[in-house]
Amino acid sequence: MQSYMNFKKIRTDFAVVLAKLLAKSPNWLIIGFGGFLGWLSWHIPNKRKRIAARNIDLCFPELSATERQHLLKDNLISTGKGFAEILLAYWGRDKVFLNDVVFEGLQHIQQAFDAGKGCILLSCHQHPLELAIRAINMRIQNKGYMLARQHNNKIYEAHVDKARRAHCEKTIDKKDIRSVLKSLKENRAVYYTPDQNFSYQCLYIDFFNQPASTVSAPARLAQKSKATVVPWFSFRLSGGKKLRWKVVILEPLKFFHEADTESSLKQMNLLFEKQIRKHPEQYLWVHRRFKNHPKGKNYPYRDL
């Protein structure tokens, strides 16, 4: 057992060293490498490809079969690029985030700090997510904290947590609501992406007209903390050697403080849908979003 753990540590440490070296490469090279990995995943049969195909079939019935195949291919290539963007977010040079990320609506975050109740920075799992978080934190008065799930590989998790804390100061386990409330009370910003499948404290709320297990915590946090809820979204703008990203920060959401929980979550999911449709290939379709289902666990994916 000890020899296996030593091998696992050596293997993980070696992979992280390679990732750090790759993250120092020019944008076009590292993103191109990620796109190549995504292209391979399109050509090689694999479970994530089947999950993405099922999600796209469920969520885009208005598209023809050919159009859905094109979207699937674009999504897998973008997923590979998203992997590269994560490496940039963890270990990339500061100049990437200062020179190559453009902003719209950054003043809404400052206005939330001025209100003094903390700021919930609400978004969904678009591929440039973590890259955008680092870019935002380089431009706001107090770096936002990041809600995150612990990785199964504890050795890798230690590397990732260290990298995240370098630009987030602190990461908070997604189940640690008490720490979130404490941070908001201190007038800090907390990044929250509640668009994945959850199995606790959830309601079935439509997402692309499919029943999706949606965690109720965003509504409860907003109501209890009185924090300002600021939605934001990130997009990869172009290919080639001149790569840029755009972060769009919208006006604060009032419905979390005015409506009941179910109504708030419905409006939240509709907002996510609207933004995802702008660049549907840049969303995390490889995730089993509809795993918890009214017809039984894993129902949409039971034959994959």
Protein backbone atom coordinates (compact mmCIF):
# COMPACT_ATOMS: atom_id res chain seq x y z
CA MET A 1 0.00 0.00 0.00
CA GLN A 2 2.82 2.38 0.93
CA SER A 3 4.65 1.73 -2.34
CA TYR A 4 1.44 2.43 -4.27
CA MET A 5 0.96 5.75 -2.44
CA ASN A 6 4.57 6.72 -3.15
CA PHE A 7 4.10 5.92 -6.84
CA LYS A 8 0.85 7.90 -6.88
CA LYS A 9 2.58 10.90 -5.31
CA ILE A 10 5.51 10.76 -7.74
CA ARG A 11 3.14 10.43 -10.70
CA THR A 12 0.93 13.30 -9.52
CA ASP A 13 3.87 15.57 -8.69
CA PHE A 14 5.40 14.89 -12.10
CA ALA A 15 2.11 15.69 -13.85
CA VAL A 16 1.83 18.97 -11.92
CA VAL A 17 5.40 19.95 -12.88
CA LEU A 18 4.53 19.38 -16.55
CA ALA A 19 1.29 21.36 -16.12
CA LYS A 20 3.19 24.29 -14.58
CA LEU A 21 5.66 24.32 -17.46
CA LEU A 22 2.84 24.17 -20.00
CA ALA A 23 1.03 27.03 -18.24
CA LYS A 24 4.01 29.31 -18.95
CA SER A 25 3.65 28.72 -22.72
CA PRO A 26 2.12 31.34 -25.05
CA ASN A 27 -1.68 31.39 -24.96
CA TRP A 28 -2.07 30.08 -28.49
CA LEU A 29 0.17 27.10 -27.74
CA ILE A 30 -1.43 25.93 -24.50
CA ILE A 31 -4.99 26.51 -25.73
CA GLY A 32 -4.10 24.81 -29.01
CA PHE A 33 -2.78 21.83 -27.06
CA GLY A 34 -6.02 21.70 -25.07
CA GLY A 35 -8.04 21.88 -28.28
CA PHE A 36 -6.02 18.96 -29.67
CA LEU A 37 -6.87 16.89 -26.57
CA GLY A 38 -10.53 17.78 -27.10
CA TRP A 39 -10.27 16.80 -30.77
CA LEU A 40 -8.90 13.41 -29.69
CA SER A 41 -11.84 12.95 -27.31
CA TRP A 42 -14.18 13.56 -30.25
CA HIS A 43 -12.55 10.79 -32.28
CA ILE A 44 -12.04 8.27 -29.47
CA PRO A 45 -15.15 6.63 -27.92
CA ASN A 46 -15.41 7.55 -24.23
CA LYS A 47 -18.01 7.97 -21.51
CA ARG A 48 -17.74 11.75 -21.23
CA LYS A 49 -18.42 12.07 -24.94
CA ARG A 50 -21.57 9.94 -24.54
CA ILE A 51 -22.72 12.04 -21.56
CA ALA A 52 -22.20 15.28 -23.49
CA ALA A 53 -24.07 13.85 -26.49
CA ARG A 54 -27.02 12.86 -24.29
CA ASN A 55 -27.14 16.28 -22.60
CA ILE A 56 -27.05 18.09 -25.93
CA ASP A 57 -29.81 15.84 -27.31
CA LEU A 58 -31.95 16.60 -24.24
CA CYS A 59 -31.31 20.33 -24.12
CA PHE A 60 -31.34 21.24 -27.82
CA PRO A 61 -34.22 19.27 -29.39
CA GLU A 62 -34.81 22.17 -31.79
CA LEU A 63 -31.50 21.42 -33.54
CA SER A 64 -31.23 18.81 -36.27
CA ALA A 65 -29.20 15.65 -35.65
CA THR A 66 -26.39 17.07 -37.79
CA GLU A 67 -26.40 20.36 -35.87
CA ARG A 68 -26.25 18.52 -32.55
CA GLN A 69 -23.26 16.51 -33.79
CA HIS A 70 -21.50 19.72 -34.78
CA LEU A 71 -22.25 21.19 -31.35
CA LEU A 72 -20.95 18.02 -29.66
CA LYS A 73 -17.68 18.19 -31.59
CA ASP A 74 -17.26 21.89 -30.83
CA ASN A 75 -18.05 21.25 -27.17
CA LEU A 76 -15.47 18.49 -26.78
CA ILE A 77 -12.79 20.63 -28.42
CA SER A 78 -13.79 23.53 -26.16
CA THR A 79 -13.67 21.18 -23.15
CA GLY A 80 -10.04 20.44 -23.99
CA LYS A 81 -9.38 24.17 -24.25
CA GLY A 82 -11.14 24.59 -20.91
CA PHE A 83 -8.67 22.14 -19.36
CA ALA A 84 -5.84 24.31 -20.67
CA GLU A 85 -7.57 27.41 -19.27
CA ILE A 86 -7.63 25.79 -15.84
CA LEU A 87 -3.85 25.31 -16.05
CA LEU A 88 -3.51 28.98 -16.99
CA ALA A 89 -5.72 29.94 -14.04
CA TYR A 90 -3.61 27.91 -11.61
CA TRP A 91 -0.08 28.56 -12.85
CA GLY A 92 -0.19 31.06 -15.74
CA ARG A 93 1.60 34.40 -15.87
CA ASP A 94 -0.16 37.50 -14.54
CA LYS A 95 0.12 39.27 -17.91
CA VAL A 96 -2.42 36.85 -19.39
CA PHE A 97 -5.05 38.13 -16.99
CA LEU A 98 -4.04 41.78 -17.27
CA ASN A 99 -3.75 42.00 -21.05
CA ASP A 100 -6.03 39.36 -22.55
CA VAL A 101 -9.22 39.53 -20.46
CA VAL A 102 -11.75 42.29 -21.16
CA PHE A 103 -14.51 43.29 -18.76
CA GLU A 104 -18.03 44.60 -18.94
CA GLY A 105 -19.85 45.77 -15.80
CA LEU A 106 -17.00 45.51 -13.29
CA GLN A 107 -18.51 48.43 -11.36
CA HIS A 108 -21.34 46.20 -10.11
CA ILE A 109 -18.92 44.32 -7.85
CA GLN A 110 -17.56 47.53 -6.34
CA GLN A 111 -21.11 48.75 -5.74
CA ALA A 112 -21.84 45.50 -3.92
CA PHE A 113 -18.83 46.08 -1.64
CA ASP A 114 -20.04 49.64 -1.03
CA ALA A 115 -23.38 48.24 0.18
CA GLY A 116 -21.46 46.44 2.93
CA LYS A 117 -23.41 43.17 3.03
CA GLY A 118 -21.00 40.98 1.08
CA CYS A 119 -21.25 39.83 -2.51
CA ILE A 120 -22.32 36.47 -3.94
CA LEU A 121 -20.71 36.24 -7.38
CA LEU A 122 -23.08 33.85 -9.11
CA SER A 123 -22.14 32.00 -12.28
CA CYS A 124 -22.26 28.64 -14.05
CA HIS A 125 -19.68 26.15 -15.33
CA GLN A 126 -18.52 27.73 -18.55
CA HIS A 127 -15.09 26.55 -19.64
CA PRO A 128 -13.14 29.78 -18.87
CA LEU A 129 -14.63 29.92 -15.33
CA GLU A 130 -11.48 29.61 -13.20
CA LEU A 131 -9.43 31.76 -15.57
CA ALA A 132 -12.06 34.47 -15.23
CA ILE A 133 -12.10 34.18 -11.43
CA ARG A 134 -8.37 34.89 -11.28
CA ALA A 135 -8.81 37.84 -13.66
CA ILE A 136 -11.64 39.31 -11.56
CA ASN A 137 -9.67 38.95 -8.35
CA MET A 138 -6.82 40.96 -9.85
CA ARG A 139 -9.20 43.89 -10.30
CA ILE A 140 -11.39 44.06 -7.18
CA GLN A 141 -10.56 45.57 -3.80
CA ASN A 142 -10.84 42.32 -1.83
CA LYS A 143 -10.16 39.00 -3.52
CA GLY A 144 -13.22 36.79 -3.64
CA TYR A 145 -13.25 33.40 -1.94
CA MET A 146 -14.01 30.32 -3.99
CA LEU A 147 -16.51 27.58 -3.18
CA ALA A 148 -15.04 24.29 -4.34
CA ARG A 149 -15.47 20.53 -4.19
CA GLN A 150 -12.62 18.45 -2.80
CA HIS A 151 -10.84 16.37 -5.46
CA ASN A 152 -10.70 12.60 -4.91
CA ASN A 153 -6.91 12.58 -5.43
CA LYS A 154 -5.74 14.25 -2.21
CA ILE A 155 -2.21 14.78 -3.53
CA TYR A 156 -3.54 16.61 -6.58
CA GLU A 157 -6.03 18.47 -4.37
CA ALA A 158 -3.17 19.88 -2.29
CA HIS A 159 -1.54 21.33 -5.44
CA VAL A 160 -4.84 22.72 -6.73
CA ASP A 161 -5.85 24.26 -3.39
CA LYS A 162 -2.46 25.97 -3.10
CA ALA A 163 -2.81 27.35 -6.64
CA ARG A 164 -6.35 28.58 -6.01
CA ARG A 165 -5.46 30.23 -2.72
CA ALA A 166 -2.68 32.14 -4.46
CA HIS A 167 -5.34 34.21 -6.23
CA CYS A 168 -8.41 33.59 -4.03
CA GLU A 169 -6.78 33.76 -0.57
CA LYS A 170 -9.20 31.13 0.68
CA THR A 171 -11.25 28.23 -0.67
CA ILE A 172 -14.42 27.07 1.08
CA ASP A 173 -15.92 23.61 0.85
CA LYS A 174 -19.21 23.82 -1.01
CA LYS A 175 -21.07 22.28 1.96
CA ASP A 176 -19.62 24.71 4.53
CA ILE A 177 -22.49 27.20 4.59
CA ARG A 178 -21.39 28.61 7.95
CA SER A 179 -18.05 29.76 6.51
CA VAL A 180 -19.83 31.29 3.53
CA LEU A 181 -22.12 33.31 5.79
CA LYS A 182 -19.16 34.41 7.93
CA SER A 183 -17.29 35.58 4.82
CA LEU A 184 -20.29 37.53 3.56
CA LYS A 185 -20.72 39.14 6.97
CA GLU A 186 -17.11 40.34 6.64
CA ASN A 187 -18.13 42.00 3.35
CA ARG A 188 -16.16 39.57 1.21
CA ALA A 189 -17.10 38.22 -2.19
CA VAL A 190 -17.81 34.51 -2.62
CA TYR A 191 -17.81 32.80 -6.02
CA TYR A 192 -20.72 30.38 -6.30
CA THR A 193 -21.54 28.09 -9.26
CA PRO A 194 -24.66 26.12 -8.28
CA ASP A 195 -25.48 24.67 -11.71
CA GLN A 196 -24.23 21.11 -11.13
CA ASN A 197 -26.15 18.04 -9.98
CA PHE A 198 -26.73 18.00 -6.22
CA SER A 199 -28.29 15.37 -3.98
CA TYR A 200 -29.06 17.39 -0.85
CA GLN A 201 -31.34 20.36 -0.08
CA CYS A 202 -32.52 20.50 -3.68
CA LEU A 203 -35.61 21.18 -5.71
CA TYR A 204 -36.36 19.89 -9.19
CA ILE A 205 -36.20 23.03 -11.32
CA ASP A 206 -36.28 23.01 -15.11
CA PHE A 207 -32.96 23.60 -16.86
CA PHE A 208 -33.28 23.66 -20.65
CA ASN A 209 -36.77 22.20 -20.09
CA GLN A 210 -35.36 19.19 -18.23
CA PRO A 211 -35.99 18.53 -14.51
CA ALA A 212 -32.67 19.32 -12.80
CA SER A 213 -31.81 18.79 -9.15
CA THR A 214 -31.03 22.37 -8.16
CA VAL A 215 -29.48 23.24 -4.81
CA SER A 216 -31.52 25.74 -2.81
CA ALA A 217 -28.49 27.28 -1.07
CA PRO A 218 -28.19 30.38 -3.31
CA ALA A 219 -31.65 31.55 -2.30
CA ARG A 220 -31.15 30.68 1.37
CA LEU A 221 -27.75 32.38 1.50
CA ALA A 222 -29.04 35.56 -0.12
CA GLN A 223 -32.06 35.75 2.17
CA LYS A 224 -30.13 35.03 5.36
CA SER A 225 -27.06 37.19 4.68
CA LYS A 226 -28.79 40.04 2.77
CA ALA A 227 -25.73 39.93 0.49
CA THR A 228 -25.83 41.44 -2.98
CA VAL A 229 -26.09 38.73 -5.65
CA VAL A 230 -24.09 39.71 -8.74
CA PRO A 231 -24.31 37.38 -11.77
CA TRP A 232 -21.35 37.12 -14.09
CA PHE A 233 -20.33 35.00 -17.08
CA SER A 234 -17.16 34.26 -19.03
CA PHE A 235 -16.58 33.63 -22.73
CA ARG A 236 -13.65 32.71 -24.95
CA LEU A 237 -13.72 35.21 -27.79
CA SER A 238 -11.53 33.93 -30.60
CA GLY A 239 -9.11 31.32 -31.84
CA GLY A 240 -5.75 31.59 -33.53
CA LYS A 241 -2.75 33.29 -31.96
CA LYS A 242 -4.71 36.31 -30.65
CA LEU A 243 -6.76 34.75 -27.89
CA ARG A 244 -8.93 36.89 -25.64
CA TRP A 245 -11.60 36.29 -23.05
CA LYS A 246 -14.55 38.39 -21.98
CA VAL A 247 -16.08 38.60 -18.51
CA VAL A 248 -19.60 40.03 -18.42
CA ILE A 249 -20.85 41.20 -15.01
CA LEU A 250 -24.56 41.96 -14.86
CA GLU A 251 -26.63 44.10 -12.52
CA PRO A 252 -27.45 42.58 -9.11
CA LEU A 253 -30.32 40.12 -8.96
CA LYS A 254 -33.21 41.34 -6.83
CA PHE A 255 -35.40 38.27 -7.07
CA PHE A 256 -33.39 36.32 -4.48
CA HIS A 257 -34.51 38.86 -1.87
CA GLU A 258 -38.04 39.35 -3.16
CA ALA A 259 -39.32 35.95 -4.32
CA ASP A 260 -39.74 32.55 -2.68
CA THR A 261 -37.01 29.92 -3.06
CA GLU A 262 -38.59 27.97 -5.92
CA SER A 263 -39.33 31.08 -7.95
CA SER A 264 -35.80 32.39 -7.36
CA LEU A 265 -34.23 29.14 -8.55
CA LYS A 266 -36.41 29.12 -11.66
CA GLN A 267 -35.25 32.62 -12.55
CA MET A 268 -31.65 31.66 -11.81
CA ASN A 269 -31.75 28.66 -14.16
CA LEU A 270 -33.39 30.74 -16.88
CA LEU A 271 -30.59 33.28 -16.55
CA PHE A 272 -27.99 30.52 -16.86
CA GLU A 273 -29.74 29.17 -19.97
CA LYS A 274 -29.76 32.57 -21.62
CA GLN A 275 -26.05 33.06 -21.10
CA ILE A 276 -25.10 29.49 -22.06
CA ARG A 277 -26.98 29.80 -25.35
CA LYS A 278 -24.63 32.62 -26.39
CA HIS A 279 -21.79 30.09 -26.65
CA PRO A 280 -23.32 26.65 -25.97
CA GLU A 281 -20.10 24.88 -26.98
CA GLN A 282 -18.33 26.50 -23.99
CA TYR A 283 -20.50 24.87 -21.30
CA LEU A 284 -19.70 21.79 -19.20
CA TRP A 285 -21.96 19.33 -21.01
CA VAL A 286 -19.71 16.41 -20.02
CA HIS A 287 -21.18 16.65 -16.49
CA ARG A 288 -24.20 14.47 -15.61
CA ARG A 289 -26.40 17.47 -14.84
CA PHE A 290 -29.58 15.37 -14.71
CA LYS A 291 -28.17 12.46 -12.69
CA ASN A 292 -30.72 12.91 -9.88
CA HIS A 293 -34.02 12.60 -11.68
CA PRO A 294 -37.72 12.26 -10.72
CA LYS A 295 -37.80 8.94 -12.60
CA GLY A 296 -34.83 7.54 -10.72
CA LYS A 297 -31.14 8.13 -10.17
CA ASN A 298 -29.11 8.33 -13.38
CA TYR A 299 -32.29 7.91 -15.45
CA PRO A 300 -31.19 9.93 -18.52
CA TYR A 301 -27.80 8.17 -18.58
CA ARG A 302 -28.82 4.64 -17.64
CA ASP A 303 -27.84 3.14 -21.02
CA LEU A 304 -24.49 4.89 -21.49
